[in-house]
Full PDB file with SEQRES, HELIX, SHEET, SSBOND, CRYST1, ORIGX, SCALE, CONECT and MASTER records, all heavy atoms in Angstrom:
SEQRES   1 A   31  SER PHE HIS GLN GLU CYS VAL LYS ARG VAL LYS ASN LEU          
SEQRES   2 A   31  HIS THR SER ASP CYS LEU ARG ALA ASN LYS SER THR MET          
SEQRES   3 A   31  ALA TRP GLY LEU GLU                                          
HELIX    1 AA1 PHE A    2  LYS A   11  1                                  10    
HELIX    2 AA2 LEU A   13  THR A   15  5                                   3    
HELIX    3 AA3 ASP A   17  MET A   26  1                                  10    
CRYST1    1.000    1.000    1.000  90.00  90.00  90.00 P 1           1          
ORIGX1      1.000000  0.000000  0.000000        0.00000                         
ORIGX2      0.000000  1.000000  0.000000        0.00000                         
ORIGX3      0.000000  0.000000  1.000000        0.00000                         
SCALE1      1.000000  0.000000  0.000000        0.00000                         
SCALE2      0.000000  1.000000  0.000000        0.00000                         
SCALE3      0.000000  0.000000  1.000000        0.00000                         
ATOM      1  N   SER A   1      10.247   6.702  11.115  1.00  0.00           N  
ATOM      2  CA  SER A   1       9.168   7.043  10.265  1.00  0.00           C  
ATOM      3  C   SER A   1       9.182   6.257   8.967  1.00  0.00           C  
ATOM      4  O   SER A   1       8.025   5.960   8.520  1.00  0.00           O  
ATOM      5  CB  SER A   1       9.254   8.561  10.040  1.00  0.00           C  
ATOM      6  OG  SER A   1       9.153   9.354  11.168  1.00  0.00           O  
ATOM      7  N   PHE A   2      10.295   6.012   8.449  1.00  0.00           N  
ATOM      8  CA  PHE A   2      10.384   5.281   7.206  1.00  0.00           C  
ATOM      9  C   PHE A   2       9.772   3.858   7.357  1.00  0.00           C  
ATOM     10  O   PHE A   2       8.988   3.358   6.594  1.00  0.00           O  
ATOM     11  CB  PHE A   2      11.848   5.238   6.731  1.00  0.00           C  
ATOM     12  CG  PHE A   2      12.079   4.754   5.298  1.00  0.00           C  
ATOM     13  CD1 PHE A   2      12.364   5.625   4.309  1.00  0.00           C  
ATOM     14  CD2 PHE A   2      12.000   3.444   4.914  1.00  0.00           C  
ATOM     15  CE1 PHE A   2      12.533   5.204   3.010  1.00  0.00           C  
ATOM     16  CE2 PHE A   2      12.194   3.045   3.620  1.00  0.00           C  
ATOM     17  CZ  PHE A   2      12.454   3.870   2.735  1.00  0.00           C  
ATOM     18  N   HIS A   3      10.265   3.195   8.479  1.00  0.00           N  
ATOM     19  CA  HIS A   3       9.800   1.895   8.664  1.00  0.00           C  
ATOM     20  C   HIS A   3       8.322   1.779   8.953  1.00  0.00           C  
ATOM     21  O   HIS A   3       7.535   0.992   8.488  1.00  0.00           O  
ATOM     22  CB  HIS A   3      10.563   1.276   9.840  1.00  0.00           C  
ATOM     23  CG  HIS A   3      10.029  -0.118  10.285  1.00  0.00           C  
ATOM     24  ND1 HIS A   3      10.277  -1.216   9.517  1.00  0.00           N  
ATOM     25  CD2 HIS A   3       9.277  -0.449  11.375  1.00  0.00           C  
ATOM     26  CE1 HIS A   3       9.570  -2.266  10.108  1.00  0.00           C  
ATOM     27  NE2 HIS A   3       9.058  -1.881  11.292  1.00  0.00           N  
ATOM     28  N   GLN A   4       7.773   2.785   9.805  1.00  0.00           N  
ATOM     29  CA  GLN A   4       6.441   2.771  10.080  1.00  0.00           C  
ATOM     30  C   GLN A   4       5.584   3.013   8.811  1.00  0.00           C  
ATOM     31  O   GLN A   4       4.434   2.439   8.649  1.00  0.00           O  
ATOM     32  CB  GLN A   4       6.090   3.945  11.080  1.00  0.00           C  
ATOM     33  CG  GLN A   4       6.637   3.580  12.476  1.00  0.00           C  
ATOM     34  CD  GLN A   4       6.527   4.750  13.460  1.00  0.00           C  
ATOM     35  OE1 GLN A   4       6.570   5.909  13.115  1.00  0.00           O  
ATOM     36  NE2 GLN A   4       6.116   4.408  14.696  1.00  0.00           N  
ATOM     37  N   GLU A   5       5.983   3.829   7.890  1.00  0.00           N  
ATOM     38  CA  GLU A   5       5.279   3.975   6.682  1.00  0.00           C  
ATOM     39  C   GLU A   5       5.337   2.701   5.849  1.00  0.00           C  
ATOM     40  O   GLU A   5       4.324   2.336   5.169  1.00  0.00           O  
ATOM     41  CB  GLU A   5       5.919   5.155   5.849  1.00  0.00           C  
ATOM     42  CG  GLU A   5       5.113   5.564   4.585  1.00  0.00           C  
ATOM     43  CD  GLU A   5       3.758   6.095   4.856  1.00  0.00           C  
ATOM     44  OE1 GLU A   5       3.328   6.295   5.951  1.00  0.00           O  
ATOM     45  OE2 GLU A   5       3.091   6.430   3.801  1.00  0.00           O  
ATOM     46  N   CYS A   6       6.387   1.999   5.793  1.00  0.00           N  
ATOM     47  CA  CYS A   6       6.495   0.674   5.074  1.00  0.00           C  
ATOM     48  C   CYS A   6       5.491  -0.254   5.626  1.00  0.00           C  
ATOM     49  O   CYS A   6       4.745  -0.873   4.944  1.00  0.00           O  
ATOM     50  CB  CYS A   6       7.786   0.092   5.070  1.00  0.00           C  
ATOM     51  SG  CYS A   6       9.149   0.915   4.068  1.00  0.00           S  
ATOM     52  N   VAL A   7       5.436  -0.470   7.014  1.00  0.00           N  
ATOM     53  CA  VAL A   7       4.567  -1.280   7.619  1.00  0.00           C  
ATOM     54  C   VAL A   7       3.063  -0.897   7.242  1.00  0.00           C  
ATOM     55  O   VAL A   7       2.227  -1.804   6.906  1.00  0.00           O  
ATOM     56  CB  VAL A   7       4.642  -1.369   9.110  1.00  0.00           C  
ATOM     57  CG1 VAL A   7       3.568  -2.162   9.829  1.00  0.00           C  
ATOM     58  CG2 VAL A   7       6.136  -1.919   9.473  1.00  0.00           C  
ATOM     59  N   LYS A   8       2.774   0.383   7.362  1.00  0.00           N  
ATOM     60  CA  LYS A   8       1.465   0.854   7.040  1.00  0.00           C  
ATOM     61  C   LYS A   8       1.038   0.499   5.636  1.00  0.00           C  
ATOM     62  O   LYS A   8      -0.051   0.090   5.374  1.00  0.00           O  
ATOM     63  CB  LYS A   8       1.327   2.336   7.281  1.00  0.00           C  
ATOM     64  CG  LYS A   8       0.003   2.917   6.986  1.00  0.00           C  
ATOM     65  CD  LYS A   8      -0.030   4.488   7.272  1.00  0.00           C  
ATOM     66  CE  LYS A   8      -1.342   5.104   6.923  1.00  0.00           C  
ATOM     67  NZ  LYS A   8      -1.312   6.618   7.055  1.00  0.00           N  
ATOM     68  N   ARG A   9       1.882   0.722   4.669  1.00  0.00           N  
ATOM     69  CA  ARG A   9       1.651   0.474   3.287  1.00  0.00           C  
ATOM     70  C   ARG A   9       1.509  -1.045   3.018  1.00  0.00           C  
ATOM     71  O   ARG A   9       0.674  -1.426   2.275  1.00  0.00           O  
ATOM     72  CB  ARG A   9       2.761   1.041   2.349  1.00  0.00           C  
ATOM     73  CG  ARG A   9       2.755   2.598   2.344  1.00  0.00           C  
ATOM     74  CD  ARG A   9       1.464   3.040   1.751  1.00  0.00           C  
ATOM     75  NE  ARG A   9       1.433   4.507   1.725  1.00  0.00           N  
ATOM     76  CZ  ARG A   9       0.331   5.250   1.538  1.00  0.00           C  
ATOM     77  NH1 ARG A   9      -0.833   4.585   1.369  1.00  0.00           N  
ATOM     78  NH2 ARG A   9       0.226   6.557   1.478  1.00  0.00           N  
ATOM     79  N   VAL A  10       2.287  -1.880   3.629  1.00  0.00           N  
ATOM     80  CA  VAL A  10       2.058  -3.259   3.460  1.00  0.00           C  
ATOM     81  C   VAL A  10       0.819  -3.770   4.080  1.00  0.00           C  
ATOM     82  O   VAL A  10       0.036  -4.585   3.522  1.00  0.00           O  
ATOM     83  CB  VAL A  10       3.306  -4.083   4.114  1.00  0.00           C  
ATOM     84  CG1 VAL A  10       2.996  -5.609   4.066  1.00  0.00           C  
ATOM     85  CG2 VAL A  10       4.522  -3.773   3.417  1.00  0.00           C  
ATOM     86  N   LYS A  11       0.403  -3.293   5.139  1.00  0.00           N  
ATOM     87  CA  LYS A  11      -0.823  -3.589   5.802  1.00  0.00           C  
ATOM     88  C   LYS A  11      -2.001  -3.196   5.004  1.00  0.00           C  
ATOM     89  O   LYS A  11      -3.112  -3.872   5.014  1.00  0.00           O  
ATOM     90  CB  LYS A  11      -1.009  -3.007   7.242  1.00  0.00           C  
ATOM     91  CG  LYS A  11      -0.110  -3.495   8.283  1.00  0.00           C  
ATOM     92  CD  LYS A  11      -0.334  -2.871   9.625  1.00  0.00           C  
ATOM     93  CE  LYS A  11       0.393  -3.432  10.815  1.00  0.00           C  
ATOM     94  NZ  LYS A  11       0.210  -2.708  12.182  1.00  0.00           N  
ATOM     95  N   ASN A  12      -1.927  -2.174   4.160  1.00  0.00           N  
ATOM     96  CA  ASN A  12      -2.998  -1.684   3.367  1.00  0.00           C  
ATOM     97  C   ASN A  12      -2.853  -2.019   1.957  1.00  0.00           C  
ATOM     98  O   ASN A  12      -3.690  -1.486   1.105  1.00  0.00           O  
ATOM     99  CB  ASN A  12      -3.098  -0.181   3.613  1.00  0.00           C  
ATOM    100  CG  ASN A  12      -3.632   0.274   4.939  1.00  0.00           C  
ATOM    101  OD1 ASN A  12      -4.779   0.070   5.215  1.00  0.00           O  
ATOM    102  ND2 ASN A  12      -2.735   0.728   5.775  1.00  0.00           N  
ATOM    103  N   LEU A  13      -1.938  -2.829   1.553  1.00  0.00           N  
ATOM    104  CA  LEU A  13      -1.770  -3.292   0.122  1.00  0.00           C  
ATOM    105  C   LEU A  13      -3.072  -3.874  -0.473  1.00  0.00           C  
ATOM    106  O   LEU A  13      -3.354  -3.739  -1.627  1.00  0.00           O  
ATOM    107  CB  LEU A  13      -0.705  -4.348   0.000  1.00  0.00           C  
ATOM    108  CG  LEU A  13       0.731  -3.845  -0.314  1.00  0.00           C  
ATOM    109  CD1 LEU A  13       1.729  -4.980  -0.221  1.00  0.00           C  
ATOM    110  CD2 LEU A  13       0.694  -3.318  -1.798  1.00  0.00           C  
ATOM    111  N   HIS A  14      -3.937  -4.487   0.316  1.00  0.00           N  
ATOM    112  CA  HIS A  14      -5.222  -5.097  -0.109  1.00  0.00           C  
ATOM    113  C   HIS A  14      -6.102  -4.062  -0.598  1.00  0.00           C  
ATOM    114  O   HIS A  14      -7.114  -4.357  -1.326  1.00  0.00           O  
ATOM    115  CB  HIS A  14      -5.755  -5.978   0.995  1.00  0.00           C  
ATOM    116  CG  HIS A  14      -6.330  -5.192   2.156  1.00  0.00           C  
ATOM    117  ND1 HIS A  14      -5.381  -4.662   3.073  1.00  0.00           N  
ATOM    118  CD2 HIS A  14      -7.573  -4.930   2.540  1.00  0.00           C  
ATOM    119  CE1 HIS A  14      -6.209  -3.995   3.999  1.00  0.00           C  
ATOM    120  NE2 HIS A  14      -7.415  -4.186   3.721  1.00  0.00           N  
ATOM    121  N   THR A  15      -5.906  -2.796  -0.215  1.00  0.00           N  
ATOM    122  CA  THR A  15      -6.823  -1.732  -0.668  1.00  0.00           C  
ATOM    123  C   THR A  15      -6.344  -1.086  -1.927  1.00  0.00           C  
ATOM    124  O   THR A  15      -7.087  -0.252  -2.582  1.00  0.00           O  
ATOM    125  CB  THR A  15      -6.998  -0.674   0.473  1.00  0.00           C  
ATOM    126  OG1 THR A  15      -5.770   0.058   0.592  1.00  0.00           O  
ATOM    127  CG2 THR A  15      -7.396  -1.268   1.723  1.00  0.00           C  
ATOM    128  N   SER A  16      -5.152  -1.392  -2.345  1.00  0.00           N  
ATOM    129  CA  SER A  16      -4.574  -0.612  -3.515  1.00  0.00           C  
ATOM    130  C   SER A  16      -3.886  -1.603  -4.536  1.00  0.00           C  
ATOM    131  O   SER A  16      -4.591  -2.195  -5.426  1.00  0.00           O  
ATOM    132  CB  SER A  16      -3.546   0.373  -3.019  1.00  0.00           C  
ATOM    133  OG  SER A  16      -2.604  -0.174  -2.208  1.00  0.00           O  
ATOM    134  N   ASP A  17      -2.578  -1.817  -4.378  1.00  0.00           N  
ATOM    135  CA  ASP A  17      -1.894  -2.621  -5.429  1.00  0.00           C  
ATOM    136  C   ASP A  17      -2.413  -4.088  -5.571  1.00  0.00           C  
ATOM    137  O   ASP A  17      -2.412  -4.605  -6.578  1.00  0.00           O  
ATOM    138  CB  ASP A  17      -0.395  -2.597  -5.203  1.00  0.00           C  
ATOM    139  CG  ASP A  17       0.243  -1.267  -5.690  1.00  0.00           C  
ATOM    140  OD1 ASP A  17      -0.547  -0.308  -5.749  1.00  0.00           O  
ATOM    141  OD2 ASP A  17       1.414  -1.190  -5.895  1.00  0.00           O  
ATOM    142  N   CYS A  18      -2.621  -4.738  -4.446  1.00  0.00           N  
ATOM    143  CA  CYS A  18      -3.156  -6.021  -4.515  1.00  0.00           C  
ATOM    144  C   CYS A  18      -4.579  -6.124  -5.163  1.00  0.00           C  
ATOM    145  O   CYS A  18      -4.772  -6.960  -5.948  1.00  0.00           O  
ATOM    146  CB  CYS A  18      -3.206  -6.705  -3.061  1.00  0.00           C  
ATOM    147  SG  CYS A  18      -1.661  -7.168  -2.382  1.00  0.00           S  
ATOM    148  N   LEU A  19      -5.375  -5.134  -4.743  1.00  0.00           N  
ATOM    149  CA  LEU A  19      -6.675  -5.059  -5.349  1.00  0.00           C  
ATOM    150  C   LEU A  19      -6.578  -4.875  -6.864  1.00  0.00           C  
ATOM    151  O   LEU A  19      -7.290  -5.455  -7.654  1.00  0.00           O  
ATOM    152  CB  LEU A  19      -7.492  -4.004  -4.731  1.00  0.00           C  
ATOM    153  CG  LEU A  19      -8.935  -3.650  -5.153  1.00  0.00           C  
ATOM    154  CD1 LEU A  19      -9.831  -3.084  -3.978  1.00  0.00           C  
ATOM    155  CD2 LEU A  19      -9.035  -2.696  -6.361  1.00  0.00           C  
ATOM    156  N   ARG A  20      -5.743  -4.001  -7.246  1.00  0.00           N  
ATOM    157  CA  ARG A  20      -5.472  -3.679  -8.640  1.00  0.00           C  
ATOM    158  C   ARG A  20      -4.998  -4.889  -9.436  1.00  0.00           C  
ATOM    159  O   ARG A  20      -5.555  -5.263 -10.499  1.00  0.00           O  
ATOM    160  CB  ARG A  20      -4.423  -2.563  -8.858  1.00  0.00           C  
ATOM    161  CG  ARG A  20      -3.979  -2.338 -10.334  1.00  0.00           C  
ATOM    162  CD  ARG A  20      -3.123  -1.190 -10.409  1.00  0.00           C  
ATOM    163  NE  ARG A  20      -1.871  -1.208  -9.628  1.00  0.00           N  
ATOM    164  CZ  ARG A  20      -0.778  -1.883  -9.821  1.00  0.00           C  
ATOM    165  NH1 ARG A  20      -0.684  -2.577 -11.014  1.00  0.00           N  
ATOM    166  NH2 ARG A  20       0.206  -1.784  -9.009  1.00  0.00           N  
ATOM    167  N   ALA A  21      -4.001  -5.467  -8.952  1.00  0.00           N  
ATOM    168  CA  ALA A  21      -3.430  -6.698  -9.538  1.00  0.00           C  
ATOM    169  C   ALA A  21      -4.372  -7.844  -9.737  1.00  0.00           C  
ATOM    170  O   ALA A  21      -4.420  -8.499 -10.739  1.00  0.00           O  
ATOM    171  CB  ALA A  21      -2.124  -7.102  -8.924  1.00  0.00           C  
ATOM    172  N   ASN A  22      -5.121  -8.059  -8.643  1.00  0.00           N  
ATOM    173  CA  ASN A  22      -6.063  -9.133  -8.591  1.00  0.00           C  
ATOM    174  C   ASN A  22      -7.315  -8.898  -9.593  1.00  0.00           C  
ATOM    175  O   ASN A  22      -7.650  -9.702 -10.514  1.00  0.00           O  
ATOM    176  CB  ASN A  22      -6.567  -9.344  -7.249  1.00  0.00           C  
ATOM    177  CG  ASN A  22      -7.519 -10.565  -7.109  1.00  0.00           C  
ATOM    178  OD1 ASN A  22      -8.716 -10.455  -7.545  1.00  0.00           O  
ATOM    179  ND2 ASN A  22      -7.027 -11.658  -6.635  1.00  0.00           N  
ATOM    180  N   LYS A  23      -7.947  -7.718  -9.425  1.00  0.00           N  
ATOM    181  CA  LYS A  23      -9.208  -7.497 -10.147  1.00  0.00           C  
ATOM    182  C   LYS A  23      -8.948  -7.039 -11.604  1.00  0.00           C  
ATOM    183  O   LYS A  23      -9.794  -7.319 -12.473  1.00  0.00           O  
ATOM    184  CB  LYS A  23      -9.992  -6.533  -9.413  1.00  0.00           C  
ATOM    185  CG  LYS A  23     -10.535  -6.971  -8.038  1.00  0.00           C  
ATOM    186  CD  LYS A  23     -11.441  -5.968  -7.376  1.00  0.00           C  
ATOM    187  CE  LYS A  23     -12.065  -6.450  -6.096  1.00  0.00           C  
ATOM    188  NZ  LYS A  23     -12.855  -5.507  -5.397  1.00  0.00           N  
ATOM    189  N   SER A  24      -7.925  -6.316 -11.878  1.00  0.00           N  
ATOM    190  CA  SER A  24      -7.607  -6.000 -13.290  1.00  0.00           C  
ATOM    191  C   SER A  24      -7.340  -7.156 -14.198  1.00  0.00           C  
ATOM    192  O   SER A  24      -7.760  -7.223 -15.352  1.00  0.00           O  
ATOM    193  CB  SER A  24      -6.424  -5.009 -13.379  1.00  0.00           C  
ATOM    194  OG  SER A  24      -6.635  -3.832 -12.594  1.00  0.00           O  
ATOM    195  N   THR A  25      -6.705  -8.160 -13.657  1.00  0.00           N  
ATOM    196  CA  THR A  25      -6.420  -9.388 -14.387  1.00  0.00           C  
ATOM    197  C   THR A  25      -7.558 -10.361 -14.347  1.00  0.00           C  
ATOM    198  O   THR A  25      -7.879 -10.871 -15.412  1.00  0.00           O  
ATOM    199  CB  THR A  25      -5.051 -10.056 -13.842  1.00  0.00           C  
ATOM    200  OG1 THR A  25      -5.267 -10.304 -12.374  1.00  0.00           O  
ATOM    201  CG2 THR A  25      -3.885  -9.171 -14.060  1.00  0.00           C  
ATOM    202  N   MET A  26      -8.139 -10.585 -13.239  1.00  0.00           N  
ATOM    203  CA  MET A  26      -9.184 -11.525 -13.035  1.00  0.00           C  
ATOM    204  C   MET A  26     -10.490 -11.072 -13.804  1.00  0.00           C  
ATOM    205  O   MET A  26     -11.400 -11.864 -13.938  1.00  0.00           O  
ATOM    206  CB  MET A  26      -9.516 -11.784 -11.574  1.00  0.00           C  
ATOM    207  CG  MET A  26      -8.451 -12.626 -10.823  1.00  0.00           C  
ATOM    208  SD  MET A  26      -8.146 -14.193 -11.662  1.00  0.00           S  
ATOM    209  CE  MET A  26      -9.584 -15.082 -11.104  1.00  0.00           C  
ATOM    210  N   ALA A  27     -10.532  -9.760 -14.172  1.00  0.00           N  
ATOM    211  CA  ALA A  27     -11.757  -9.347 -14.971  1.00  0.00           C  
ATOM    212  C   ALA A  27     -11.710 -10.174 -16.336  1.00  0.00           C  
ATOM    213  O   ALA A  27     -12.770 -10.276 -16.878  1.00  0.00           O  
ATOM    214  CB  ALA A  27     -11.591  -7.865 -15.284  1.00  0.00           C  
ATOM    215  N   TRP A  28     -10.529 -10.731 -16.730  1.00  0.00           N  
ATOM    216  CA  TRP A  28     -10.458 -11.626 -17.934  1.00  0.00           C  
ATOM    217  C   TRP A  28     -10.125 -12.938 -17.635  1.00  0.00           C  
ATOM    218  O   TRP A  28      -9.778 -13.708 -18.524  1.00  0.00           O  
ATOM    219  CB  TRP A  28      -9.485 -10.853 -18.889  1.00  0.00           C  
ATOM    220  CG  TRP A  28      -9.848  -9.503 -19.213  1.00  0.00           C  
ATOM    221  CD1 TRP A  28      -9.282  -8.300 -18.805  1.00  0.00           C  
ATOM    222  CD2 TRP A  28     -11.018  -9.060 -20.125  1.00  0.00           C  
ATOM    223  NE1 TRP A  28      -9.871  -7.154 -19.320  1.00  0.00           N  
ATOM    224  CE2 TRP A  28     -10.942  -7.633 -20.150  1.00  0.00           C  
ATOM    225  CE3 TRP A  28     -11.962  -9.772 -20.767  1.00  0.00           C  
ATOM    226  CZ2 TRP A  28     -11.931  -6.939 -20.835  1.00  0.00           C  
ATOM    227  CZ3 TRP A  28     -12.886  -8.986 -21.518  1.00  0.00           C  
ATOM    228  CH2 TRP A  28     -12.861  -7.600 -21.531  1.00  0.00           C  
ATOM    229  N   GLY A  29     -10.211 -13.342 -16.435  1.00  0.00           N  
ATOM    230  CA  GLY A  29      -9.835 -14.740 -16.081  1.00  0.00           C  
ATOM    231  C   GLY A  29      -8.389 -15.053 -16.202  1.00  0.00           C  
ATOM    232  O   GLY A  29      -7.942 -16.176 -16.647  1.00  0.00           O  
ATOM    233  N   LEU A  30      -7.500 -14.020 -15.792  1.00  0.00           N  
ATOM    234  CA  LEU A  30      -6.081 -14.175 -15.854  1.00  0.00           C  
ATOM    235  C   LEU A  30      -5.573 -13.982 -14.345  1.00  0.00           C  
ATOM    236  O   LEU A  30      -6.027 -13.046 -13.703  1.00  0.00           O  
ATOM    237  CB  LEU A  30      -5.474 -13.006 -16.655  1.00  0.00           C  
ATOM    238  CG  LEU A  30      -3.996 -12.966 -16.800  1.00  0.00           C  
ATOM    239  CD1 LEU A  30      -3.303 -14.165 -17.487  1.00  0.00           C  
ATOM    240  CD2 LEU A  30      -3.536 -11.577 -17.432  1.00  0.00           C  
ATOM    241  N   GLU A  31      -4.747 -14.921 -13.938  1.00  0.00           N  
ATOM    242  CA  GLU A  31      -4.268 -14.925 -12.555  1.00  0.00           C  
ATOM    243  C   GLU A  31      -2.976 -14.268 -12.485  1.00  0.00           C  
ATOM    244  O   GLU A  31      -2.013 -14.580 -13.229  1.00  0.00           O  
ATOM    245  CB  GLU A  31      -4.245 -16.331 -12.015  1.00  0.00           C  
ATOM    246  CG  GLU A  31      -3.640 -16.415 -10.615  1.00  0.00           C  
ATOM    247  CD  GLU A  31      -3.589 -17.890 -10.105  1.00  0.00           C  
ATOM    248  OE1 GLU A  31      -4.738 -18.420  -9.930  1.00  0.00           O  
ATOM    249  OE2 GLU A  31      -2.548 -18.407 -10.008  1.00  0.00           O  
TER     250      GLU A  31                                                      
MASTER        0    0    0    3    0    0    0    6  249    1    0    3          
END                                                                             
């Protein structure tokens, strides 16, 4: 269960932490 949840979270990173890191910074032209 632990591993399956890790895989699920990595697969969905683009909907949460990746989205946050990308758009919060790029709002000001920061990569």
